């Protein structure tokens, strides 16, 4: 009888974990400057509602009296606010990565974002510079930084995400110091930047955005026997980086749709964020208006992210 009860308990736990993983997010990245532009945000909120987005990933790079009201406006419109904080600009060096004084400076931005009402904190560039020589110690150093931020952020009951290179979906990078299996116990969500144009050779991978993204995400969750202990949001690109000025809107829309399909058809992903450095999303809006894609789940709930 005890074995039966244990079996039922394990099944319930597995069901709950899978239900959490399957919650679906659809979002776009915005600079703080864009987010604090009222006319621009009115447009983005209107269009995003129409196509079923539920998340805005917004930079918090500097203090601003407009930041908190902006987040309040977005939340009132029913969207989840994810505050993106750049930890080490372009990747850190050994002095920066090991400096708690440096971490504390960045944490001031994190605290401001939480105080302003951010639903989650996203740490980007939490890594060594890609120009650093390979060193197995790098990931251990970065892990200490992640744990330090996680302890402080979790104490305020806010989920923490980290962005990782697409290649880290397959294996640890000793150059930048990212090892997802090492980091797994200290993150609530992982956002692999699976931009097809950033894989080498880019001519091959950007020509097949669907499989590039699907294979990368499957490789990531496979490191955890297809049941990662965190949510997985794929960062995808609004246009092919290398051909952005050489492709027309129709080609960019096809590329975006293939990226989205790649995420949807992967194992245990939790959704996607679209990256456009200039925050131009007209092609994305067109794709979502004219194609059936997986709908986002209920929005503006912290519990859905955990």
C-alpha atoms as a PDB file:
ATOM      1  CA  UNK A   1       0.000   0.000   0.000  1.00  0.00           C
ATOM      2  CA  UNK A   2       2.830   2.366   0.862  1.00  0.00           C
ATOM      3  CA  UNK A   3       4.365   1.777  -2.568  1.00  0.00           C
ATOM      4  CA  UNK A   4       1.042   2.646  -4.199  1.00  0.00           C
ATOM      5  CA  UNK A   5       0.804   5.907  -2.246  1.00  0.00           C
ATOM      6  CA  UNK A   6       4.392   6.771  -3.156  1.00  0.00           C
ATOM      7  CA  UNK A   7       3.680   6.060  -6.809  1.00  0.00           C
ATOM      8  CA  UNK A   8       0.630   8.331  -6.747  1.00  0.00           C
ATOM      9  CA  UNK A   9       2.603  11.070  -4.981  1.00  0.00           C
ATOM     10  CA  UNK A  10       5.412  10.909  -7.536  1.00  0.00           C
ATOM     11  CA  UNK A  11       2.880  11.058 -10.374  1.00  0.00           C
ATOM     12  CA  UNK A  12       1.233  14.131  -8.864  1.00  0.00           C
ATOM     13  CA  UNK A  13       4.570  15.874  -8.401  1.00  0.00           C
ATOM     14  CA  UNK A  14       5.553  15.067 -11.974  1.00  0.00           C
ATOM     15  CA  UNK A  15       2.206  16.346 -13.259  1.00  0.00           C
ATOM     16  CA  UNK A  16       2.569  19.604 -11.343  1.00  0.00           C
ATOM     17  CA  UNK A  17       6.129  20.124 -12.561  1.00  0.00           C
ATOM     18  CA  UNK A  18       5.134  19.474 -16.151  1.00  0.00           C
ATOM     19  CA  UNK A  19       2.196  21.859 -15.809  1.00  0.00           C
ATOM     20  CA  UNK A  20       4.568  24.568 -14.615  1.00  0.00           C
ATOM     21  CA  UNK A  21       6.988  23.963 -17.458  1.00  0.00           C
ATOM     22  CA  UNK A  22       4.206  24.030 -20.038  1.00  0.00           C
ATOM     23  CA  UNK A  23       2.956  27.523 -19.090  1.00  0.00           C
ATOM     24  CA  UNK A  24       3.556  29.649 -22.190  1.00  0.00           C
ATOM     25  CA  UNK A  25       4.996  33.169 -22.463  1.00  0.00           C
ATOM     26  CA  UNK A  26       5.215  35.370 -25.567  1.00  0.00           C
ATOM     27  CA  UNK A  27       7.116  38.631 -25.268  1.00  0.00           C
ATOM     28  CA  UNK A  28       9.213  41.328 -26.864  1.00  0.00           C
ATOM     29  CA  UNK A  29      12.339  43.168 -25.734  1.00  0.00           C
ATOM     30  CA  UNK A  30      12.294  46.944 -25.202  1.00  0.00           C
ATOM     31  CA  UNK A  31      14.973  49.433 -24.288  1.00  0.00           C
ATOM     32  CA  UNK A  32      14.264  51.628 -21.299  1.00  0.00           C
ATOM     33  CA  UNK A  33      14.168  54.616 -23.651  1.00  0.00           C
ATOM     34  CA  UNK A  34      11.410  53.031 -25.752  1.00  0.00           C
ATOM     35  CA  UNK A  35       9.429  51.941 -22.709  1.00  0.00           C
ATOM     36  CA  UNK A  36       9.478  55.463 -21.287  1.00  0.00           C
ATOM     37  CA  UNK A  37       8.133  56.959 -24.529  1.00  0.00           C
ATOM     38  CA  UNK A  38       4.360  57.226 -23.877  1.00  0.00           C
ATOM     39  CA  UNK A  39       3.284  57.363 -27.527  1.00  0.00           C
ATOM     40  CA  UNK A  40       5.485  54.422 -28.473  1.00  0.00           C
ATOM     41  CA  UNK A  41       4.267  52.352 -25.525  1.00  0.00           C
ATOM     42  CA  UNK A  42       0.620  53.091 -26.282  1.00  0.00           C
ATOM     43  CA  UNK A  43       1.200  51.684 -29.763  1.00  0.00           C
ATOM     44  CA  UNK A  44       3.140  48.629 -28.539  1.00  0.00           C
ATOM     45  CA  UNK A  45       0.575  47.838 -25.849  1.00  0.00           C
ATOM     46  CA  UNK A  46      -2.276  48.095 -28.342  1.00  0.00           C
ATOM     47  CA  UNK A  47      -0.577  45.919 -30.965  1.00  0.00           C
ATOM     48  CA  UNK A  48       0.731  43.416 -28.428  1.00  0.00           C
ATOM     49  CA  UNK A  49      -2.726  42.932 -26.962  1.00  0.00           C
ATOM     50  CA  UNK A  50      -4.179  42.360 -30.398  1.00  0.00           C
ATOM     51  CA  UNK A  51      -1.711  39.582 -31.245  1.00  0.00           C
ATOM     52  CA  UNK A  52      -1.772  37.908 -27.823  1.00  0.00           C
ATOM     53  CA  UNK A  53       1.580  38.771 -26.272  1.00  0.00           C
ATOM     54  CA  UNK A  54       1.784  38.657 -22.491  1.00  0.00           C
ATOM     55  CA  UNK A  55       5.286  39.878 -21.602  1.00  0.00           C
ATOM     56  CA  UNK A  56       7.541  42.887 -22.033  1.00  0.00           C
ATOM     57  CA  UNK A  57      11.264  42.434 -21.338  1.00  0.00           C
ATOM     58  CA  UNK A  58      12.442  45.938 -20.472  1.00  0.00           C
ATOM     59  CA  UNK A  59      15.954  47.219 -19.875  1.00  0.00           C
ATOM     60  CA  UNK A  60      16.698  48.955 -16.617  1.00  0.00           C
ATOM     61  CA  UNK A  61      19.993  50.718 -17.293  1.00  0.00           C
ATOM     62  CA  UNK A  62      19.675  53.974 -15.378  1.00  0.00           C
ATOM     63  CA  UNK A  63      17.657  55.775 -12.732  1.00  0.00           C
ATOM     64  CA  UNK A  64      14.612  57.563 -14.081  1.00  0.00           C
ATOM     65  CA  UNK A  65      11.508  59.121 -12.583  1.00  0.00           C
ATOM     66  CA  UNK A  66       9.562  57.683 -15.535  1.00  0.00           C
ATOM     67  CA  UNK A  67      10.520  54.058 -14.931  1.00  0.00           C
ATOM     68  CA  UNK A  68       8.091  53.089 -12.151  1.00  0.00           C
ATOM     69  CA  UNK A  69       5.065  54.805 -13.782  1.00  0.00           C
ATOM     70  CA  UNK A  70       5.916  53.020 -17.023  1.00  0.00           C
ATOM     71  CA  UNK A  71       5.918  49.611 -15.341  1.00  0.00           C
ATOM     72  CA  UNK A  72       2.662  50.466 -13.576  1.00  0.00           C
ATOM     73  CA  UNK A  73       1.075  51.387 -16.908  1.00  0.00           C
ATOM     74  CA  UNK A  74       2.227  48.152 -18.507  1.00  0.00           C
ATOM     75  CA  UNK A  75       1.001  46.081 -15.573  1.00  0.00           C
ATOM     76  CA  UNK A  76      -2.360  47.849 -15.613  1.00  0.00           C
ATOM     77  CA  UNK A  77      -2.667  46.877 -19.277  1.00  0.00           C
ATOM     78  CA  UNK A  78      -2.280  43.237 -18.238  1.00  0.00           C
ATOM     79  CA  UNK A  79       1.309  42.519 -19.205  1.00  0.00           C
ATOM     80  CA  UNK A  80       4.108  40.872 -17.266  1.00  0.00           C
ATOM     81  CA  UNK A  81       7.151  43.088 -16.633  1.00  0.00           C
ATOM     82  CA  UNK A  82      10.540  41.403 -16.867  1.00  0.00           C
ATOM     83  CA  UNK A  83      13.358  43.796 -15.951  1.00  0.00           C
ATOM     84  CA  UNK A  84      16.541  43.096 -17.919  1.00  0.00           C
ATOM     85  CA  UNK A  85      19.749  44.054 -16.123  1.00  0.00           C
ATOM     86  CA  UNK A  86      23.127  43.930 -17.874  1.00  0.00           C
ATOM     87  CA  UNK A  87      25.558  42.628 -15.273  1.00  0.00           C
ATOM     88  CA  UNK A  88      28.930  42.743 -17.047  1.00  0.00           C
ATOM     89  CA  UNK A  89      28.850  44.912 -20.169  1.00  0.00           C
ATOM     90  CA  UNK A  90      30.137  42.800 -23.089  1.00  0.00           C
ATOM     91  CA  UNK A  91      31.184  40.207 -20.513  1.00  0.00           C
ATOM     92  CA  UNK A  92      33.424  40.745 -17.525  1.00  0.00           C
ATOM     93  CA  UNK A  93      37.067  40.260 -16.697  1.00  0.00           C
ATOM     94  CA  UNK A  94      38.386  38.447 -13.628  1.00  0.00           C
ATOM     95  CA  UNK A  95      38.501  41.601 -11.497  1.00  0.00           C
ATOM     96  CA  UNK A  96      34.877  42.505 -12.232  1.00  0.00           C
ATOM     97  CA  UNK A  97      33.468  38.998 -11.972  1.00  0.00           C
ATOM     98  CA  UNK A  98      35.084  38.466  -8.563  1.00  0.00           C
ATOM     99  CA  UNK A  99      34.232  41.916  -7.162  1.00  0.00           C
ATOM    100  CA  UNK A 100      31.293  41.972  -4.768  1.00  0.00           C
ATOM    101  CA  UNK A 101      31.455  45.773  -4.827  1.00  0.00           C
ATOM    102  CA  UNK A 102      30.749  45.576  -8.562  1.00  0.00           C
ATOM    103  CA  UNK A 103      27.850  43.178  -7.987  1.00  0.00           C
ATOM    104  CA  UNK A 104      26.364  45.499  -5.388  1.00  0.00           C
ATOM    105  CA  UNK A 105      26.454  48.399  -7.832  1.00  0.00           C
ATOM    106  CA  UNK A 106      24.425  46.369 -10.310  1.00  0.00           C
ATOM    107  CA  UNK A 107      22.100  45.153  -7.604  1.00  0.00           C
ATOM    108  CA  UNK A 108      20.969  48.738  -7.034  1.00  0.00           C
ATOM    109  CA  UNK A 109      19.337  48.560 -10.477  1.00  0.00           C
ATOM    110  CA  UNK A 110      17.787  45.210  -9.573  1.00  0.00           C
ATOM    111  CA  UNK A 111      16.352  46.657  -6.367  1.00  0.00           C
ATOM    112  CA  UNK A 112      14.972  49.688  -8.176  1.00  0.00           C
ATOM    113  CA  UNK A 113      13.261  47.395 -10.680  1.00  0.00           C
ATOM    114  CA  UNK A 114      11.713  45.277  -7.942  1.00  0.00           C
ATOM    115  CA  UNK A 115      10.566  48.387  -6.060  1.00  0.00           C
ATOM    116  CA  UNK A 116       9.036  49.682  -9.307  1.00  0.00           C
ATOM    117  CA  UNK A 117       6.960  46.519  -9.666  1.00  0.00           C
ATOM    118  CA  UNK A 118       8.968  44.194 -11.922  1.00  0.00           C
ATOM    119  CA  UNK A 119       7.466  40.700 -12.006  1.00  0.00           C
ATOM    120  CA  UNK A 120      10.825  39.053 -12.708  1.00  0.00           C
ATOM    121  CA  UNK A 121      14.496  39.990 -12.974  1.00  0.00           C
ATOM    122  CA  UNK A 122      16.462  38.943 -16.046  1.00  0.00           C
ATOM    123  CA  UNK A 123      20.252  39.017 -15.776  1.00  0.00           C
ATOM    124  CA  UNK A 124      22.046  39.361 -19.102  1.00  0.00           C
ATOM    125  CA  UNK A 125      25.797  39.368 -19.800  1.00  0.00           C
ATOM    126  CA  UNK A 126      26.275  37.369 -16.630  1.00  0.00           C
ATOM    127  CA  UNK A 127      29.447  35.868 -18.009  1.00  0.00           C
ATOM    128  CA  UNK A 128      33.088  36.444 -18.810  1.00  0.00           C
ATOM    129  CA  UNK A 129      34.077  38.246 -22.000  1.00  0.00           C
ATOM    130  CA  UNK A 130      34.234  35.917 -24.999  1.00  0.00           C
ATOM    131  CA  UNK A 131      37.774  37.253 -25.551  1.00  0.00           C
ATOM    132  CA  UNK A 132      38.984  35.658 -22.320  1.00  0.00           C
ATOM    133  CA  UNK A 133      41.084  32.492 -22.695  1.00  0.00           C
ATOM    134  CA  UNK A 134      39.310  29.227 -21.853  1.00  0.00           C
ATOM    135  CA  UNK A 135      39.436  28.401 -18.155  1.00  0.00           C
ATOM    136  CA  UNK A 136      37.273  25.882 -16.247  1.00  0.00           C
ATOM    137  CA  UNK A 137      37.316  28.292 -13.291  1.00  0.00           C
ATOM    138  CA  UNK A 138      35.242  30.821 -15.237  1.00  0.00           C
ATOM    139  CA  UNK A 139      31.940  28.984 -14.798  1.00  0.00           C
ATOM    140  CA  UNK A 140      32.631  28.529 -11.078  1.00  0.00           C
ATOM    141  CA  UNK A 141      33.215  32.267 -10.744  1.00  0.00           C
ATOM    142  CA  UNK A 142      30.024  33.125 -12.619  1.00  0.00           C
ATOM    143  CA  UNK A 143      28.094  30.599 -10.532  1.00  0.00           C
ATOM    144  CA  UNK A 144      29.098  32.488  -7.381  1.00  0.00           C
ATOM    145  CA  UNK A 145      27.719  35.688  -8.896  1.00  0.00           C
ATOM    146  CA  UNK A 146      24.463  33.982  -9.860  1.00  0.00           C
ATOM    147  CA  UNK A 147      24.002  32.504  -6.379  1.00  0.00           C
ATOM    148  CA  UNK A 148      24.643  35.897  -4.770  1.00  0.00           C
ATOM    149  CA  UNK A 149      21.982  37.597  -6.904  1.00  0.00           C
ATOM    150  CA  UNK A 150      19.548  34.700  -6.519  1.00  0.00           C
ATOM    151  CA  UNK A 151      19.661  34.803  -2.736  1.00  0.00           C
ATOM    152  CA  UNK A 152      18.902  38.523  -2.651  1.00  0.00           C
ATOM    153  CA  UNK A 153      16.198  38.410  -5.327  1.00  0.00           C
ATOM    154  CA  UNK A 154      14.467  35.286  -3.986  1.00  0.00           C
ATOM    155  CA  UNK A 155      14.273  36.889  -0.541  1.00  0.00           C
ATOM    156  CA  UNK A 156      11.847  39.355  -2.137  1.00  0.00           C
ATOM    157  CA  UNK A 157       9.798  36.575  -3.757  1.00  0.00           C
ATOM    158  CA  UNK A 158      10.688  37.597  -7.288  1.00  0.00           C
ATOM    159  CA  UNK A 159      11.797  35.023  -9.914  1.00  0.00           C
ATOM    160  CA  UNK A 160      15.223  35.387 -11.517  1.00  0.00           C
ATOM    161  CA  UNK A 161      16.110  34.578 -15.124  1.00  0.00           C
ATOM    162  CA  UNK A 162      19.491  34.443 -16.816  1.00  0.00           C
ATOM    163  CA  UNK A 163      20.403  34.755 -20.493  1.00  0.00           C
ATOM    164  CA  UNK A 164      22.884  32.284 -21.952  1.00  0.00           C
ATOM    165  CA  UNK A 165      24.632  31.844 -25.292  1.00  0.00           C
ATOM    166  CA  UNK A 166      22.904  29.482 -27.708  1.00  0.00           C
ATOM    167  CA  UNK A 167      25.932  27.184 -27.750  1.00  0.00           C
ATOM    168  CA  UNK A 168      25.552  26.581 -24.014  1.00  0.00           C
ATOM    169  CA  UNK A 169      22.416  24.622 -24.872  1.00  0.00           C
ATOM    170  CA  UNK A 170      24.815  21.926 -26.076  1.00  0.00           C
ATOM    171  CA  UNK A 171      27.840  22.180 -23.795  1.00  0.00           C
ATOM    172  CA  UNK A 172      29.511  24.444 -21.220  1.00  0.00           C
ATOM    173  CA  UNK A 173      31.597  27.335 -22.506  1.00  0.00           C
ATOM    174  CA  UNK A 174      34.908  27.692 -20.699  1.00  0.00           C
ATOM    175  CA  UNK A 175      35.572  31.036 -22.424  1.00  0.00           C
ATOM    176  CA  UNK A 176      32.501  32.901 -21.171  1.00  0.00           C
ATOM    177  CA  UNK A 177      32.006  30.708 -18.111  1.00  0.00           C
ATOM    178  CA  UNK A 178      28.458  29.476 -18.650  1.00  0.00           C
ATOM    179  CA  UNK A 179      27.536  25.937 -17.592  1.00  0.00           C
ATOM    180  CA  UNK A 180      23.804  25.397 -17.361  1.00  0.00           C
ATOM    181  CA  UNK A 181      24.016  22.170 -15.366  1.00  0.00           C
ATOM    182  CA  UNK A 182      26.138  23.947 -12.785  1.00  0.00           C
ATOM    183  CA  UNK A 183      23.770  26.939 -12.643  1.00  0.00           C
ATOM    184  CA  UNK A 184      20.519  24.947 -12.596  1.00  0.00           C
ATOM    185  CA  UNK A 185      19.869  25.063  -8.847  1.00  0.00           C
ATOM    186  CA  UNK A 186      20.092  28.859  -8.693  1.00  0.00           C
ATOM    187  CA  UNK A 187      17.798  30.075 -11.495  1.00  0.00           C
ATOM    188  CA  UNK A 188      14.040  30.157 -12.067  1.00  0.00           C
ATOM    189  CA  UNK A 189      14.268  30.535 -15.831  1.00  0.00           C
ATOM    190  CA  UNK A 190      16.933  30.268 -18.517  1.00  0.00           C
ATOM    191  CA  UNK A 191      16.784  32.193 -21.784  1.00  0.00           C
ATOM    192  CA  UNK A 192      19.068  30.690 -24.446  1.00  0.00           C
ATOM    193  CA  UNK A 193      19.805  33.233 -27.173  1.00  0.00           C
ATOM    194  CA  UNK A 194      19.233  30.825 -30.046  1.00  0.00           C
ATOM    195  CA  UNK A 195      19.598  33.365 -32.843  1.00  0.00           C
ATOM    196  CA  UNK A 196      20.220  31.301 -36.018  1.00  0.00           C
ATOM    197  CA  UNK A 197      22.451  34.022 -37.482  1.00  0.00           C
ATOM    198  CA  UNK A 198      24.804  33.707 -34.494  1.00  0.00           C
ATOM    199  CA  UNK A 199      25.721  30.062 -35.032  1.00  0.00           C
ATOM    200  CA  UNK A 200      28.703  29.191 -37.195  1.00  0.00           C
ATOM    201  CA  UNK A 201      28.662  28.806 -40.122  1.00  0.00           C
ATOM    202  CA  UNK A 202      25.790  31.292 -40.072  1.00  0.00           C
ATOM    203  CA  UNK A 203      24.988  30.681 -43.745  1.00  0.00           C
ATOM    204  CA  UNK A 204      23.979  27.132 -42.848  1.00  0.00           C
ATOM    205  CA  UNK A 205      22.109  27.754 -39.608  1.00  0.00           C
ATOM    206  CA  UNK A 206      20.284  30.939 -40.577  1.00  0.00           C
ATOM    207  CA  UNK A 207      19.004  29.138 -43.678  1.00  0.00           C
ATOM    208  CA  UNK A 208      17.224  26.680 -41.379  1.00  0.00           C
ATOM    209  CA  UNK A 209      15.877  28.675 -38.428  1.00  0.00           C
ATOM    210  CA  UNK A 210      13.293  26.054 -37.468  1.00  0.00           C
ATOM    211  CA  UNK A 211      15.737  23.208 -36.880  1.00  0.00           C
ATOM    212  CA  UNK A 212      18.472  25.454 -35.500  1.00  0.00           C
ATOM    213  CA  UNK A 213      16.181  26.582 -32.693  1.00  0.00           C
ATOM    214  CA  UNK A 214      14.347  23.324 -32.124  1.00  0.00           C
ATOM    215  CA  UNK A 215      17.571  21.312 -31.944  1.00  0.00           C
ATOM    216  CA  UNK A 216      19.191  23.804 -29.575  1.00  0.00           C
ATOM    217  CA  UNK A 217      16.266  23.839 -27.150  1.00  0.00           C
ATOM    218  CA  UNK A 218      15.977  20.059 -27.232  1.00  0.00           C
ATOM    219  CA  UNK A 219      19.697  19.762 -26.503  1.00  0.00           C
ATOM    220  CA  UNK A 220      19.293  22.074 -23.515  1.00  0.00           C
ATOM    221  CA  UNK A 221      16.455  20.153 -21.886  1.00  0.00           C
ATOM    222  CA  UNK A 222      18.115  16.859 -22.779  1.00  0.00           C
ATOM    223  CA  UNK A 223      20.881  17.798 -20.348  1.00  0.00           C
ATOM    224  CA  UNK A 224      18.168  17.324 -17.693  1.00  0.00           C
ATOM    225  CA  UNK A 225      16.510  14.231 -19.163  1.00  0.00           C
ATOM    226  CA  UNK A 226      13.889  16.478 -20.820  1.00  0.00           C
ATOM    227  CA  UNK A 227      12.694  17.803 -17.446  1.00  0.00           C
ATOM    228  CA  UNK A 228      14.664  20.972 -16.633  1.00  0.00           C
ATOM    229  CA  UNK A 229      14.230  22.398 -13.116  1.00  0.00           C
ATOM    230  CA  UNK A 230      13.651  25.868 -14.579  1.00  0.00           C
ATOM    231  CA  UNK A 231      11.566  27.518 -17.271  1.00  0.00           C
ATOM    232  CA  UNK A 232      13.056  27.888 -20.740  1.00  0.00           C
ATOM    233  CA  UNK A 233      12.309  30.999 -22.807  1.00  0.00           C
ATOM    234  CA  UNK A 234      13.993  31.100 -26.189  1.00  0.00           C
ATOM    235  CA  UNK A 235      15.342  34.473 -27.261  1.00  0.00           C
ATOM    236  CA  UNK A 236      14.738  34.640 -31.006  1.00  0.00           C
ATOM    237  CA  UNK A 237      15.647  37.429 -33.426  1.00  0.00           C
ATOM    238  CA  UNK A 238      13.277  39.715 -35.308  1.00  0.00           C
ATOM    239  CA  UNK A 239      15.410  39.397 -38.454  1.00  0.00           C
ATOM    240  CA  UNK A 240      18.500  37.591 -39.703  1.00  0.00           C
ATOM    241  CA  UNK A 241      21.369  39.663 -38.292  1.00  0.00           C
ATOM    242  CA  UNK A 242      23.663  39.160 -41.285  1.00  0.00           C
ATOM    243  CA  UNK A 243      21.043  39.876 -43.947  1.00  0.00           C
ATOM    244  CA  UNK A 244      18.882  42.434 -42.178  1.00  0.00           C
ATOM    245  CA  UNK A 245      19.298  45.066 -44.913  1.00  0.00           C
ATOM    246  CA  UNK A 246      19.119  42.548 -47.758  1.00  0.00           C
ATOM    247  CA  UNK A 247      15.828  40.837 -47.013  1.00  0.00           C
ATOM    248  CA  UNK A 248      12.311  42.154 -47.544  1.00  0.00           C
ATOM    249  CA  UNK A 249       9.393  42.037 -45.126  1.00  0.00           C
ATOM    250  CA  UNK A 250       8.033  38.791 -46.550  1.00  0.00           C
ATOM    251  CA  UNK A 251      11.357  37.020 -46.001  1.00  0.00           C
ATOM    252  CA  UNK A 252      11.692  38.437 -42.487  1.00  0.00           C
ATOM    253  CA  UNK A 253       8.177  37.284 -41.648  1.00  0.00           C
ATOM    254  CA  UNK A 254       8.876  33.765 -42.922  1.00  0.00           C
ATOM    255  CA  UNK A 255      12.067  33.687 -40.858  1.00  0.00           C
ATOM    256  CA  UNK A 256      10.190  34.772 -37.723  1.00  0.00           C
ATOM    257  CA  UNK A 257       7.439  32.223 -38.213  1.00  0.00           C
ATOM    258  CA  UNK A 258       9.977  29.419 -38.613  1.00  0.00           C
ATOM    259  CA  UNK A 259      11.693  30.533 -35.411  1.00  0.00           C
ATOM    260  CA  UNK A 260       8.406  30.524 -33.519  1.00  0.00           C
ATOM    261  CA  UNK A 261       7.504  27.085 -34.882  1.00  0.00           C
ATOM    262  CA  UNK A 262      10.916  25.838 -33.769  1.00  0.00           C
ATOM    263  CA  UNK A 263      10.200  26.917 -30.207  1.00  0.00           C
ATOM    264  CA  UNK A 264       6.669  25.536 -30.237  1.00  0.00           C
ATOM    265  CA  UNK A 265       7.821  22.131 -31.488  1.00  0.00           C
ATOM    266  CA  UNK A 266      10.681  21.779 -28.997  1.00  0.00           C
ATOM    267  CA  UNK A 267      10.501  19.765 -25.788  1.00  0.00           C
ATOM    268  CA  UNK A 268       9.369  21.495 -22.592  1.00  0.00           C
ATOM    269  CA  UNK A 269      10.015  25.092 -23.649  1.00  0.00           C
ATOM    270  CA  UNK A 270       8.084  27.800 -21.808  1.00  0.00           C
ATOM    271  CA  UNK A 271       7.775  30.343 -24.623  1.00  0.00           C
ATOM    272  CA  UNK A 272       9.801  32.946 -26.466  1.00  0.00           C
ATOM    273  CA  UNK A 273      11.025  36.535 -26.358  1.00  0.00           C
ATOM    274  CA  UNK A 274      11.734  38.353 -29.621  1.00  0.00           C
ATOM    275  CA  UNK A 275      14.828  40.551 -29.762  1.00  0.00           C
ATOM    276  CA  UNK A 276      14.976  43.647 -31.935  1.00  0.00           C
ATOM    277  CA  UNK A 277      17.729  46.076 -30.960  1.00  0.00           C
ATOM    278  CA  UNK A 278      15.705  48.952 -32.411  1.00  0.00           C
ATOM    279  CA  UNK A 279      12.419  47.639 -31.001  1.00  0.00           C
ATOM    280  CA  UNK A 280      10.810  47.319 -34.433  1.00  0.00           C
ATOM    281  CA  UNK A 281       8.132  44.620 -34.314  1.00  0.00           C
ATOM    282  CA  UNK A 282       5.805  45.268 -37.223  1.00  0.00           C
ATOM    283  CA  UNK A 283       6.840  42.026 -38.941  1.00  0.00           C
ATOM    284  CA  UNK A 284       6.199  40.062 -35.757  1.00  0.00           C
ATOM    285  CA  UNK A 285       2.758  41.615 -35.377  1.00  0.00           C
ATOM    286  CA  UNK A 286       1.986  40.726 -39.001  1.00  0.00           C
ATOM    287  CA  UNK A 287       3.080  37.111 -38.452  1.00  0.00           C
ATOM    288  CA  UNK A 288       0.966  36.680 -35.341  1.00  0.00           C
ATOM    289  CA  UNK A 289      -2.089  38.287 -36.914  1.00  0.00           C
ATOM    290  CA  UNK A 290      -1.934  36.053 -39.976  1.00  0.00           C
ATOM    291  CA  UNK A 291      -0.796  32.706 -38.561  1.00  0.00           C
ATOM    292  CA  UNK A 292      -2.056  30.432 -35.837  1.00  0.00           C
ATOM    293  CA  UNK A 293       0.532  30.117 -33.081  1.00  0.00           C
ATOM    294  CA  UNK A 294       0.363  28.757 -29.568  1.00  0.00           C
ATOM    295  CA  UNK A 295      -1.539  31.217 -27.354  1.00  0.00           C
ATOM    296  CA  UNK A 296       0.080  32.794 -24.319  1.00  0.00           C
ATOM    297  CA  UNK A 297      -1.143  31.798 -20.887  1.00  0.00           C
ATOM    298  CA  UNK A 298      -2.815  34.078 -18.373  1.00  0.00           C
ATOM    299  CA  UNK A 299      -0.742  37.179 -17.873  1.00  0.00           C
ATOM    300  CA  UNK A 300       0.588  39.336 -15.063  1.00  0.00           C
ATOM    301  CA  UNK A 301       0.987  36.529 -12.498  1.00  0.00           C
ATOM    302  CA  UNK A 302       4.242  35.897 -10.687  1.00  0.00           C
ATOM    303  CA  UNK A 303       3.210  32.384  -9.758  1.00  0.00           C
ATOM    304  CA  UNK A 304       3.021  31.406 -13.418  1.00  0.00           C
ATOM    305  CA  UNK A 305       6.748  32.088 -13.733  1.00  0.00           C
ATOM    306  CA  UNK A 306       7.904  29.983 -10.808  1.00  0.00           C
END
